[in-house]
């Protein structure tokens, strides 16, 4: 059994993330230099989340955020496509990714955003990933998102900008 360094719960030896708190059970490693072709040791090949599962998570998030913004629009008389709605949209992705590594959609499909050490990226890197990173991925005809399907580490441009990876939280892969 592997003991979680965050919450102290025991996990099976094959687990990559704590079943109790979701913390990475991988050994912390130095962040690789740009010149290295090898993926970081904490994020082993085979556990990267690919394009389709990430698209599924994005669709779940879109439905959820759209529904919440619609309800808020009726209750607070704020139209969902105003700057207020846009700020709430950004806050959802930034805060959940930075603090938990997962939006509700990512939780539902069993994937998580991590840094090179396998930990939650934190608010600074999440802001870099979610705001300028996703804007760049979008304005280039969304090629930055489709890049996930071509990249050996399954990183979109927004992941490369922030140094993040999206990995499976399920022990089976």
N, C-alpha and C. Protein backbone atom coordinates (compact mmCIF):
# COMPACT_ATOMS: atom_id res chain seq x y z
N UNK A 1 0.84 -1.19 0.00
CA UNK A 1 0.00 0.00 0.00
C UNK A 1 0.88 1.25 0.00
N UNK A 2 0.40 2.29 -0.67
CA UNK A 2 1.10 3.57 -0.71
C UNK A 2 0.33 4.57 0.13
N UNK A 3 1.03 5.23 1.04
CA UNK A 3 0.38 6.22 1.89
C UNK A 3 0.42 7.59 1.21
N UNK A 4 -0.71 8.26 1.18
CA UNK A 4 -0.80 9.60 0.59
C UNK A 4 -0.04 10.59 1.46
N UNK A 5 0.80 11.41 0.84
CA UNK A 5 1.59 12.40 1.59
C UNK A 5 0.74 13.60 2.01
N UNK A 6 -0.48 13.72 1.49
CA UNK A 6 -1.36 14.83 1.84
C UNK A 6 -2.32 14.45 2.98
N UNK A 7 -3.10 13.38 2.76
CA UNK A 7 -4.13 13.03 3.75
C UNK A 7 -3.78 11.80 4.59
N UNK A 8 -2.73 11.05 4.21
CA UNK A 8 -2.30 9.90 5.00
C UNK A 8 -3.06 8.61 4.75
N UNK A 9 -4.03 8.62 3.82
CA UNK A 9 -4.81 7.41 3.54
C UNK A 9 -3.99 6.41 2.73
N UNK A 10 -4.25 5.12 2.93
CA UNK A 10 -3.57 4.06 2.19
C UNK A 10 -4.23 3.86 0.84
N UNK A 11 -3.41 3.63 -0.19
CA UNK A 11 -3.88 3.41 -1.54
C UNK A 11 -3.18 2.19 -2.11
N UNK A 12 -3.81 1.50 -3.09
CA UNK A 12 -3.17 0.33 -3.69
C UNK A 12 -1.87 0.75 -4.40
N UNK A 13 -0.90 -0.16 -4.51
CA UNK A 13 0.40 0.18 -5.10
C UNK A 13 0.32 0.69 -6.53
N UNK A 14 -0.69 0.26 -7.29
CA UNK A 14 -0.78 0.70 -8.69
C UNK A 14 -1.45 2.06 -8.85
N UNK A 15 -1.98 2.64 -7.78
CA UNK A 15 -2.68 3.93 -7.85
C UNK A 15 -1.70 5.06 -8.15
N UNK A 16 -2.15 5.99 -8.98
CA UNK A 16 -1.35 7.16 -9.31
C UNK A 16 -1.81 8.38 -8.54
N UNK A 17 -3.08 8.36 -8.10
CA UNK A 17 -3.66 9.46 -7.35
C UNK A 17 -4.40 8.90 -6.15
N UNK A 18 -4.43 9.64 -5.06
CA UNK A 18 -5.10 9.20 -3.84
C UNK A 18 -6.61 9.09 -4.08
N UNK A 19 -7.18 7.97 -3.69
CA UNK A 19 -8.62 7.77 -3.85
C UNK A 19 -9.41 8.67 -2.91
N UNK A 20 -8.80 9.13 -1.84
CA UNK A 20 -9.49 9.95 -0.86
C UNK A 20 -9.47 11.44 -1.22
N UNK A 21 -8.26 11.98 -1.50
CA UNK A 21 -8.16 13.43 -1.73
C UNK A 21 -7.76 13.80 -3.15
N UNK A 22 -7.36 12.82 -3.99
CA UNK A 22 -7.00 13.09 -5.37
C UNK A 22 -5.57 13.55 -5.58
N UNK A 23 -4.78 13.64 -4.51
CA UNK A 23 -3.39 14.08 -4.63
C UNK A 23 -2.57 13.05 -5.41
N UNK A 24 -1.56 13.52 -6.10
CA UNK A 24 -0.68 12.64 -6.86
C UNK A 24 0.12 11.76 -5.91
N UNK A 25 0.23 10.49 -6.25
CA UNK A 25 1.04 9.56 -5.46
C UNK A 25 2.40 9.34 -6.13
N UNK A 26 2.65 10.06 -7.22
CA UNK A 26 3.91 9.91 -7.96
C UNK A 26 5.04 10.59 -7.21
N UNK A 27 6.25 10.14 -7.49
CA UNK A 27 7.43 10.73 -6.89
C UNK A 27 7.68 12.09 -7.56
N UNK A 28 7.97 13.10 -6.77
CA UNK A 28 8.23 14.42 -7.31
C UNK A 28 9.58 14.42 -8.01
N UNK A 29 9.61 15.05 -9.19
CA UNK A 29 10.84 15.13 -9.98
C UNK A 29 11.10 16.57 -10.37
N UNK A 30 12.33 16.84 -10.82
CA UNK A 30 12.67 18.16 -11.33
C UNK A 30 11.87 18.42 -12.60
N UNK A 31 11.50 19.66 -12.83
CA UNK A 31 10.81 20.01 -14.06
C UNK A 31 11.80 19.86 -15.22
N UNK A 32 11.40 19.16 -16.29
CA UNK A 32 12.32 18.93 -17.39
C UNK A 32 12.60 20.21 -18.17
N UNK A 33 13.78 20.29 -18.75
CA UNK A 33 14.10 21.44 -19.58
C UNK A 33 13.38 21.29 -20.91
N UNK A 34 13.24 22.38 -21.64
CA UNK A 34 12.53 22.36 -22.92
C UNK A 34 13.23 21.42 -23.90
N UNK A 35 14.54 21.29 -23.81
CA UNK A 35 15.30 20.48 -24.75
C UNK A 35 15.06 18.98 -24.56
N UNK A 36 14.60 18.55 -23.39
CA UNK A 36 14.39 17.13 -23.15
C UNK A 36 13.17 16.62 -23.91
N UNK A 37 13.32 15.48 -24.56
CA UNK A 37 12.21 14.90 -25.31
C UNK A 37 11.38 13.97 -24.45
N UNK A 38 11.91 13.52 -23.32
CA UNK A 38 11.22 12.58 -22.45
C UNK A 38 10.16 13.31 -21.62
N UNK A 39 9.00 12.68 -21.40
CA UNK A 39 8.01 13.28 -20.51
C UNK A 39 8.51 13.22 -19.07
N UNK A 40 8.00 14.08 -18.19
CA UNK A 40 8.44 14.04 -16.81
C UNK A 40 8.13 12.69 -16.16
N UNK A 41 8.97 12.27 -15.24
CA UNK A 41 8.82 10.96 -14.60
C UNK A 41 7.52 10.85 -13.82
N UNK A 42 7.01 11.95 -13.27
CA UNK A 42 5.79 11.90 -12.47
C UNK A 42 4.56 11.68 -13.33
N UNK A 43 4.66 11.96 -14.62
CA UNK A 43 3.54 11.79 -15.53
C UNK A 43 3.96 10.75 -16.55
N UNK A 44 3.68 9.50 -16.26
CA UNK A 44 4.17 8.42 -17.12
C UNK A 44 3.31 8.28 -18.37
N UNK A 45 3.96 7.84 -19.45
CA UNK A 45 3.27 7.64 -20.72
C UNK A 45 2.17 6.61 -20.53
N UNK A 46 1.04 6.84 -21.15
CA UNK A 46 -0.07 5.90 -21.06
C UNK A 46 -1.19 6.43 -20.17
N UNK A 47 -0.90 7.38 -19.32
CA UNK A 47 -1.95 7.90 -18.47
C UNK A 47 -2.43 9.28 -18.93
N UNK A 48 -1.88 9.80 -20.02
CA UNK A 48 -2.33 11.09 -20.54
C UNK A 48 -3.76 10.97 -21.05
N UNK A 49 -4.54 12.01 -20.84
CA UNK A 49 -5.91 12.02 -21.33
C UNK A 49 -5.91 12.58 -22.74
N UNK A 50 -6.52 11.86 -23.67
CA UNK A 50 -6.55 12.25 -25.07
C UNK A 50 -7.65 13.23 -25.41
N UNK A 51 -7.74 13.50 -26.70
CA UNK A 51 -8.66 14.52 -27.22
C UNK A 51 -10.12 14.23 -26.89
N UNK A 52 -10.60 13.01 -27.14
CA UNK A 52 -12.03 12.72 -27.03
C UNK A 52 -12.53 12.78 -25.59
N UNK A 53 -11.76 12.27 -24.64
CA UNK A 53 -12.22 12.32 -23.25
C UNK A 53 -12.20 13.77 -22.75
N UNK A 54 -11.23 14.55 -23.21
CA UNK A 54 -11.17 15.96 -22.84
C UNK A 54 -12.32 16.73 -23.47
N UNK A 55 -12.70 16.37 -24.70
CA UNK A 55 -13.86 17.00 -25.34
C UNK A 55 -15.13 16.67 -24.55
N UNK A 56 -15.26 15.43 -24.11
CA UNK A 56 -16.42 15.04 -23.30
C UNK A 56 -16.51 15.86 -22.02
N UNK A 57 -15.37 16.05 -21.36
CA UNK A 57 -15.36 16.87 -20.14
C UNK A 57 -15.75 18.31 -20.46
N UNK A 58 -15.25 18.84 -21.58
CA UNK A 58 -15.57 20.22 -21.98
C UNK A 58 -17.06 20.38 -22.27
N UNK A 59 -17.67 19.37 -22.88
CA UNK A 59 -19.10 19.44 -23.16
C UNK A 59 -19.92 19.43 -21.87
N UNK A 60 -19.52 18.59 -20.92
CA UNK A 60 -20.21 18.57 -19.63
C UNK A 60 -20.09 19.94 -18.96
N UNK A 61 -18.88 20.51 -18.97
CA UNK A 61 -18.68 21.84 -18.38
C UNK A 61 -19.50 22.90 -19.09
N UNK A 62 -19.57 22.84 -20.42
CA UNK A 62 -20.33 23.82 -21.19
C UNK A 62 -21.81 23.79 -20.82
N UNK A 63 -22.36 22.59 -20.70
CA UNK A 63 -23.77 22.45 -20.33
C UNK A 63 -23.99 22.98 -18.91
N UNK A 64 -23.11 22.60 -17.99
CA UNK A 64 -23.23 23.04 -16.60
C UNK A 64 -23.11 24.56 -16.47
N UNK A 65 -22.06 25.11 -17.04
CA UNK A 65 -21.83 26.56 -16.94
C UNK A 65 -22.96 27.31 -17.65
N UNK A 66 -23.38 26.83 -18.81
CA UNK A 66 -24.49 27.47 -19.52
C UNK A 66 -25.76 27.47 -18.70
N UNK A 67 -26.06 26.35 -18.04
CA UNK A 67 -27.26 26.26 -17.22
C UNK A 67 -27.19 27.21 -16.03
N UNK A 68 -26.03 27.22 -15.36
CA UNK A 68 -25.87 28.10 -14.20
C UNK A 68 -25.98 29.57 -14.61
N UNK A 69 -25.31 29.93 -15.70
CA UNK A 69 -25.38 31.32 -16.15
C UNK A 69 -26.78 31.71 -16.61
N UNK A 70 -27.51 30.76 -17.18
CA UNK A 70 -28.90 31.03 -17.57
C UNK A 70 -29.76 31.29 -16.35
N UNK A 71 -29.61 30.45 -15.33
CA UNK A 71 -30.38 30.64 -14.09
C UNK A 71 -30.01 31.97 -13.44
N UNK A 72 -28.72 32.24 -13.35
CA UNK A 72 -28.29 33.52 -12.78
C UNK A 72 -28.82 34.69 -13.59
N UNK A 73 -28.86 34.52 -14.91
CA UNK A 73 -29.39 35.57 -15.78
C UNK A 73 -30.83 35.91 -15.45
N UNK A 74 -31.64 34.89 -15.19
CA UNK A 74 -33.04 35.13 -14.84
C UNK A 74 -33.20 35.67 -13.43
N UNK A 75 -32.43 35.12 -12.50
CA UNK A 75 -32.55 35.52 -11.10
C UNK A 75 -31.97 36.91 -10.86
N UNK A 76 -30.79 37.16 -11.41
CA UNK A 76 -30.10 38.43 -11.16
C UNK A 76 -30.25 39.43 -12.30
N UNK A 77 -31.02 39.07 -13.32
CA UNK A 77 -31.22 39.93 -14.49
C UNK A 77 -29.90 40.27 -15.17
N UNK A 78 -28.98 39.30 -15.17
CA UNK A 78 -27.69 39.47 -15.85
C UNK A 78 -27.72 38.55 -17.06
N UNK A 79 -27.62 39.12 -18.23
CA UNK A 79 -27.60 38.30 -19.42
C UNK A 79 -26.30 37.53 -19.47
N UNK A 80 -26.32 36.25 -19.80
CA UNK A 80 -25.15 35.39 -19.69
C UNK A 80 -24.00 35.76 -20.62
N UNK A 81 -24.24 36.53 -21.66
CA UNK A 81 -23.17 36.89 -22.58
C UNK A 81 -22.63 38.29 -22.32
N UNK A 82 -22.85 38.80 -21.14
CA UNK A 82 -22.31 40.11 -20.75
C UNK A 82 -20.93 39.90 -20.16
N UNK A 83 -20.20 40.98 -19.90
CA UNK A 83 -18.90 40.83 -19.23
C UNK A 83 -19.01 40.09 -17.89
N UNK A 84 -20.11 40.25 -17.18
CA UNK A 84 -20.29 39.54 -15.90
C UNK A 84 -20.33 38.03 -16.15
N UNK A 85 -21.08 37.60 -17.15
CA UNK A 85 -21.15 36.18 -17.48
C UNK A 85 -19.81 35.64 -17.91
N UNK A 86 -19.05 36.43 -18.68
CA UNK A 86 -17.73 36.02 -19.14
C UNK A 86 -16.78 35.87 -17.95
N UNK A 87 -16.84 36.80 -17.02
CA UNK A 87 -15.99 36.73 -15.82
C UNK A 87 -16.35 35.49 -14.99
N UNK A 88 -17.63 35.20 -14.82
CA UNK A 88 -18.04 34.01 -14.08
C UNK A 88 -17.56 32.74 -14.78
N UNK A 89 -17.62 32.74 -16.09
CA UNK A 89 -17.14 31.61 -16.90
C UNK A 89 -15.65 31.40 -16.66
N UNK A 90 -14.86 32.46 -16.72
CA UNK A 90 -13.42 32.37 -16.49
C UNK A 90 -13.11 31.94 -15.06
N UNK A 91 -13.84 32.48 -14.09
CA UNK A 91 -13.61 32.12 -12.69
C UNK A 91 -13.84 30.64 -12.45
N UNK A 92 -14.87 30.08 -13.05
CA UNK A 92 -15.17 28.66 -12.91
C UNK A 92 -13.96 27.82 -13.31
N UNK A 93 -13.46 28.05 -14.52
CA UNK A 93 -12.32 27.26 -15.02
C UNK A 93 -11.05 27.54 -14.24
N UNK A 94 -10.76 28.80 -13.98
CA UNK A 94 -9.52 29.17 -13.30
C UNK A 94 -9.46 28.63 -11.87
N UNK A 95 -10.51 28.88 -11.08
CA UNK A 95 -10.50 28.47 -9.69
C UNK A 95 -10.51 26.95 -9.52
N UNK A 96 -11.38 26.27 -10.25
CA UNK A 96 -11.43 24.81 -10.10
C UNK A 96 -10.16 24.14 -10.60
N UNK A 97 -9.62 24.63 -11.72
CA UNK A 97 -8.38 24.04 -12.23
C UNK A 97 -7.22 24.35 -11.29
N UNK A 98 -7.14 25.57 -10.80
CA UNK A 98 -6.04 25.96 -9.93
C UNK A 98 -6.07 25.32 -8.56
N UNK A 99 -7.25 25.19 -7.99
CA UNK A 99 -7.38 24.67 -6.63
C UNK A 99 -7.54 23.15 -6.57
N UNK A 100 -8.27 22.56 -7.53
CA UNK A 100 -8.55 21.12 -7.51
C UNK A 100 -7.90 20.36 -8.65
N UNK A 101 -7.52 21.08 -9.71
CA UNK A 101 -7.00 20.41 -10.90
C UNK A 101 -8.11 19.85 -11.77
N UNK A 102 -9.35 20.05 -11.38
CA UNK A 102 -10.49 19.48 -12.10
C UNK A 102 -11.69 20.40 -12.08
N UNK A 103 -12.32 20.53 -13.24
CA UNK A 103 -13.64 21.12 -13.30
C UNK A 103 -14.64 19.99 -13.05
N UNK A 104 -15.90 20.30 -12.98
CA UNK A 104 -16.92 19.26 -12.77
C UNK A 104 -16.90 18.26 -13.93
N UNK A 105 -16.73 18.75 -15.14
CA UNK A 105 -16.65 17.86 -16.31
C UNK A 105 -15.48 16.90 -16.22
N UNK A 106 -14.31 17.42 -15.81
CA UNK A 106 -13.13 16.56 -15.67
C UNK A 106 -13.34 15.54 -14.55
N UNK A 107 -14.00 15.95 -13.46
CA UNK A 107 -14.29 15.00 -12.39
C UNK A 107 -15.19 13.87 -12.91
N UNK A 108 -16.18 14.25 -13.71
CA UNK A 108 -17.14 13.27 -14.21
C UNK A 108 -16.50 12.21 -15.11
N UNK A 109 -15.50 12.61 -15.91
CA UNK A 109 -14.87 11.65 -16.82
C UNK A 109 -13.58 11.06 -16.26
N UNK A 110 -13.16 11.53 -15.09
CA UNK A 110 -11.99 10.95 -14.42
C UNK A 110 -10.65 11.42 -14.96
N UNK A 111 -10.54 12.73 -15.21
CA UNK A 111 -9.25 13.28 -15.63
C UNK A 111 -8.92 14.50 -14.77
N UNK A 112 -7.64 14.88 -14.79
CA UNK A 112 -7.19 15.96 -13.91
C UNK A 112 -6.03 16.70 -14.56
N UNK A 113 -5.95 18.01 -14.34
CA UNK A 113 -4.83 18.84 -14.80
C UNK A 113 -3.77 18.81 -13.71
N UNK A 114 -2.53 18.49 -14.11
CA UNK A 114 -1.42 18.45 -13.17
C UNK A 114 -0.22 19.18 -13.77
N UNK A 115 0.73 19.54 -12.90
CA UNK A 115 1.98 20.12 -13.38
C UNK A 115 2.97 18.98 -13.65
N UNK A 116 4.21 19.32 -13.97
CA UNK A 116 5.21 18.30 -14.30
C UNK A 116 5.53 17.38 -13.13
N UNK A 117 5.28 17.84 -11.91
CA UNK A 117 5.51 17.01 -10.73
C UNK A 117 4.31 16.12 -10.39
N UNK A 118 3.22 16.27 -11.12
CA UNK A 118 2.02 15.48 -10.86
C UNK A 118 1.10 16.10 -9.83
N UNK A 119 1.36 17.37 -9.46
CA UNK A 119 0.54 18.06 -8.46
C UNK A 119 -0.44 19.01 -9.14
N UNK A 120 -1.45 19.45 -8.39
CA UNK A 120 -2.39 20.46 -8.87
C UNK A 120 -1.58 21.69 -9.28
N UNK A 121 -1.91 22.31 -10.42
CA UNK A 121 -1.06 23.38 -10.93
C UNK A 121 -1.02 24.65 -10.09
N UNK A 122 -2.01 24.93 -9.28
CA UNK A 122 -2.05 26.17 -8.51
C UNK A 122 -2.69 27.29 -9.32
N UNK A 123 -3.04 28.37 -8.64
CA UNK A 123 -3.79 29.45 -9.29
C UNK A 123 -3.00 30.19 -10.36
N UNK A 124 -1.70 30.37 -10.16
CA UNK A 124 -0.89 31.10 -11.13
C UNK A 124 -0.80 30.38 -12.47
N UNK A 125 -0.43 29.10 -12.43
CA UNK A 125 -0.33 28.33 -13.67
C UNK A 125 -1.70 28.07 -14.27
N UNK A 126 -2.71 27.92 -13.43
CA UNK A 126 -4.07 27.73 -13.95
C UNK A 126 -4.54 28.98 -14.68
N UNK A 127 -4.21 30.16 -14.14
CA UNK A 127 -4.57 31.41 -14.82
C UNK A 127 -3.87 31.49 -16.17
N UNK A 128 -2.61 31.13 -16.21
CA UNK A 128 -1.85 31.13 -17.47
C UNK A 128 -2.46 30.15 -18.47
N UNK A 129 -2.86 28.98 -18.00
CA UNK A 129 -3.44 27.95 -18.87
C UNK A 129 -4.83 28.35 -19.36
N UNK A 130 -5.67 28.81 -18.43
CA UNK A 130 -7.08 29.03 -18.74
C UNK A 130 -7.38 30.35 -19.45
N UNK A 131 -6.55 31.36 -19.27
CA UNK A 131 -6.89 32.65 -19.88
C UNK A 131 -6.06 32.90 -21.14
N UNK A 132 -4.79 33.31 -21.05
CA UNK A 132 -4.09 33.53 -22.32
C UNK A 132 -3.85 32.24 -23.10
N UNK A 133 -3.60 31.13 -22.39
CA UNK A 133 -3.36 29.86 -23.07
C UNK A 133 -4.54 29.41 -23.92
N UNK A 134 -5.74 29.46 -23.36
CA UNK A 134 -6.91 29.02 -24.12
C UNK A 134 -7.34 30.06 -25.17
N UNK A 135 -7.04 31.32 -24.92
CA UNK A 135 -7.32 32.34 -25.94
C UNK A 135 -6.45 32.07 -27.16
N UNK A 136 -5.16 31.80 -26.93
CA UNK A 136 -4.25 31.49 -28.04
C UNK A 136 -4.68 30.20 -28.75
N UNK A 137 -5.05 29.19 -27.99
CA UNK A 137 -5.52 27.93 -28.58
C UNK A 137 -6.77 28.14 -29.43
N UNK A 138 -7.61 29.10 -29.05
CA UNK A 138 -8.86 29.36 -29.74
C UNK A 138 -8.67 30.23 -30.98
N UNK A 139 -7.92 31.33 -30.87
CA UNK A 139 -7.84 32.27 -31.99
C UNK A 139 -7.12 31.70 -33.20
N UNK A 140 -6.36 30.65 -33.01
CA UNK A 140 -5.68 30.00 -34.14
C UNK A 140 -6.58 28.89 -34.70
N UNK A 141 -7.84 29.22 -34.95
CA UNK A 141 -8.82 28.27 -35.50
C UNK A 141 -8.98 27.02 -34.64
N UNK A 142 -8.78 27.16 -33.36
CA UNK A 142 -8.89 26.08 -32.37
C UNK A 142 -7.85 24.98 -32.56
N UNK A 143 -6.82 25.25 -33.35
CA UNK A 143 -5.77 24.26 -33.58
C UNK A 143 -5.10 23.89 -32.26
N UNK A 144 -5.00 24.84 -31.34
CA UNK A 144 -4.38 24.57 -30.04
C UNK A 144 -5.08 23.48 -29.26
N UNK A 145 -6.39 23.33 -29.46
CA UNK A 145 -7.13 22.26 -28.80
C UNK A 145 -6.97 20.94 -29.55
N UNK A 146 -7.05 21.01 -30.89
CA UNK A 146 -6.89 19.80 -31.70
C UNK A 146 -5.48 19.23 -31.59
N UNK A 147 -4.52 20.07 -31.19
CA UNK A 147 -3.14 19.64 -31.04
C UNK A 147 -3.02 18.47 -30.05
N UNK A 148 -3.95 18.38 -29.12
CA UNK A 148 -3.95 17.29 -28.14
C UNK A 148 -3.92 15.94 -28.85
N UNK A 149 -4.62 15.82 -29.96
CA UNK A 149 -4.66 14.57 -30.70
C UNK A 149 -3.38 14.24 -31.43
N UNK A 150 -2.51 15.23 -31.63
CA UNK A 150 -1.26 15.04 -32.38
C UNK A 150 -0.03 14.94 -31.48
N UNK A 151 -0.10 15.52 -30.32
CA UNK A 151 1.06 15.64 -29.43
C UNK A 151 1.31 14.32 -28.69
N UNK A 152 2.56 13.86 -28.59
CA UNK A 152 2.84 12.61 -27.88
C UNK A 152 2.50 12.67 -26.39
N UNK A 153 2.55 13.87 -25.79
CA UNK A 153 2.20 14.03 -24.38
C UNK A 153 0.75 14.48 -24.21
N UNK A 154 -0.01 14.49 -25.31
CA UNK A 154 -1.43 14.89 -25.30
C UNK A 154 -1.63 16.29 -24.71
N UNK A 155 -0.69 17.19 -24.99
CA UNK A 155 -0.80 18.56 -24.50
C UNK A 155 -1.35 19.46 -25.60
N UNK A 156 -2.33 20.28 -25.24
CA UNK A 156 -2.78 21.35 -26.12
C UNK A 156 -1.82 22.52 -25.97
N UNK A 157 -1.97 23.53 -26.81
CA UNK A 157 -1.08 24.69 -26.70
C UNK A 157 -1.19 25.34 -25.33
N UNK A 158 -2.41 25.38 -24.78
CA UNK A 158 -2.61 25.97 -23.45
C UNK A 158 -1.86 25.18 -22.37
N UNK A 159 -1.76 23.86 -22.54
CA UNK A 159 -0.99 23.03 -21.62
C UNK A 159 0.51 23.32 -21.77
N UNK A 160 0.96 23.43 -22.98
CA UNK A 160 2.38 23.71 -23.22
C UNK A 160 2.77 25.06 -22.64
N UNK A 161 1.91 26.06 -22.80
CA UNK A 161 2.18 27.41 -22.28
C UNK A 161 2.32 27.37 -20.77
N UNK A 162 1.47 26.62 -20.09
CA UNK A 162 1.48 26.58 -18.62
C UNK A 162 2.31 25.43 -18.06
N UNK A 163 2.80 24.54 -18.89
CA UNK A 163 3.58 23.39 -18.39
C UNK A 163 2.70 22.38 -17.68
N UNK A 164 1.47 22.20 -18.15
CA UNK A 164 0.55 21.27 -17.50
C UNK A 164 0.28 20.06 -18.39
N UNK A 165 -0.26 19.02 -17.77
CA UNK A 165 -0.64 17.78 -18.45
C UNK A 165 -2.04 17.43 -17.95
N UNK A 166 -2.80 16.75 -18.77
CA UNK A 166 -4.11 16.24 -18.33
C UNK A 166 -3.97 14.73 -18.29
N UNK A 167 -4.21 14.17 -17.11
CA UNK A 167 -4.01 12.73 -16.88
C UNK A 167 -5.27 12.09 -16.33
N UNK A 168 -5.32 10.76 -16.46
CA UNK A 168 -6.43 9.99 -15.93
C UNK A 168 -6.27 9.85 -14.41
N UNK A 169 -7.37 9.97 -13.70
CA UNK A 169 -7.35 9.76 -12.25
C UNK A 169 -7.78 8.35 -11.89
N UNK A 170 -8.20 7.60 -12.88
CA UNK A 170 -8.66 6.23 -12.64
C UNK A 170 -7.47 5.30 -12.67
N UNK A 171 -7.40 4.37 -11.73
CA UNK A 171 -6.24 3.48 -11.62
C UNK A 171 -6.10 2.54 -12.80
N UNK A 172 -7.16 2.29 -13.53
CA UNK A 172 -7.08 1.41 -14.69
C UNK A 172 -6.48 2.08 -15.90
N UNK A 173 -6.22 3.40 -15.89
CA UNK A 173 -5.64 4.08 -17.04
C UNK A 173 -6.49 5.19 -17.42
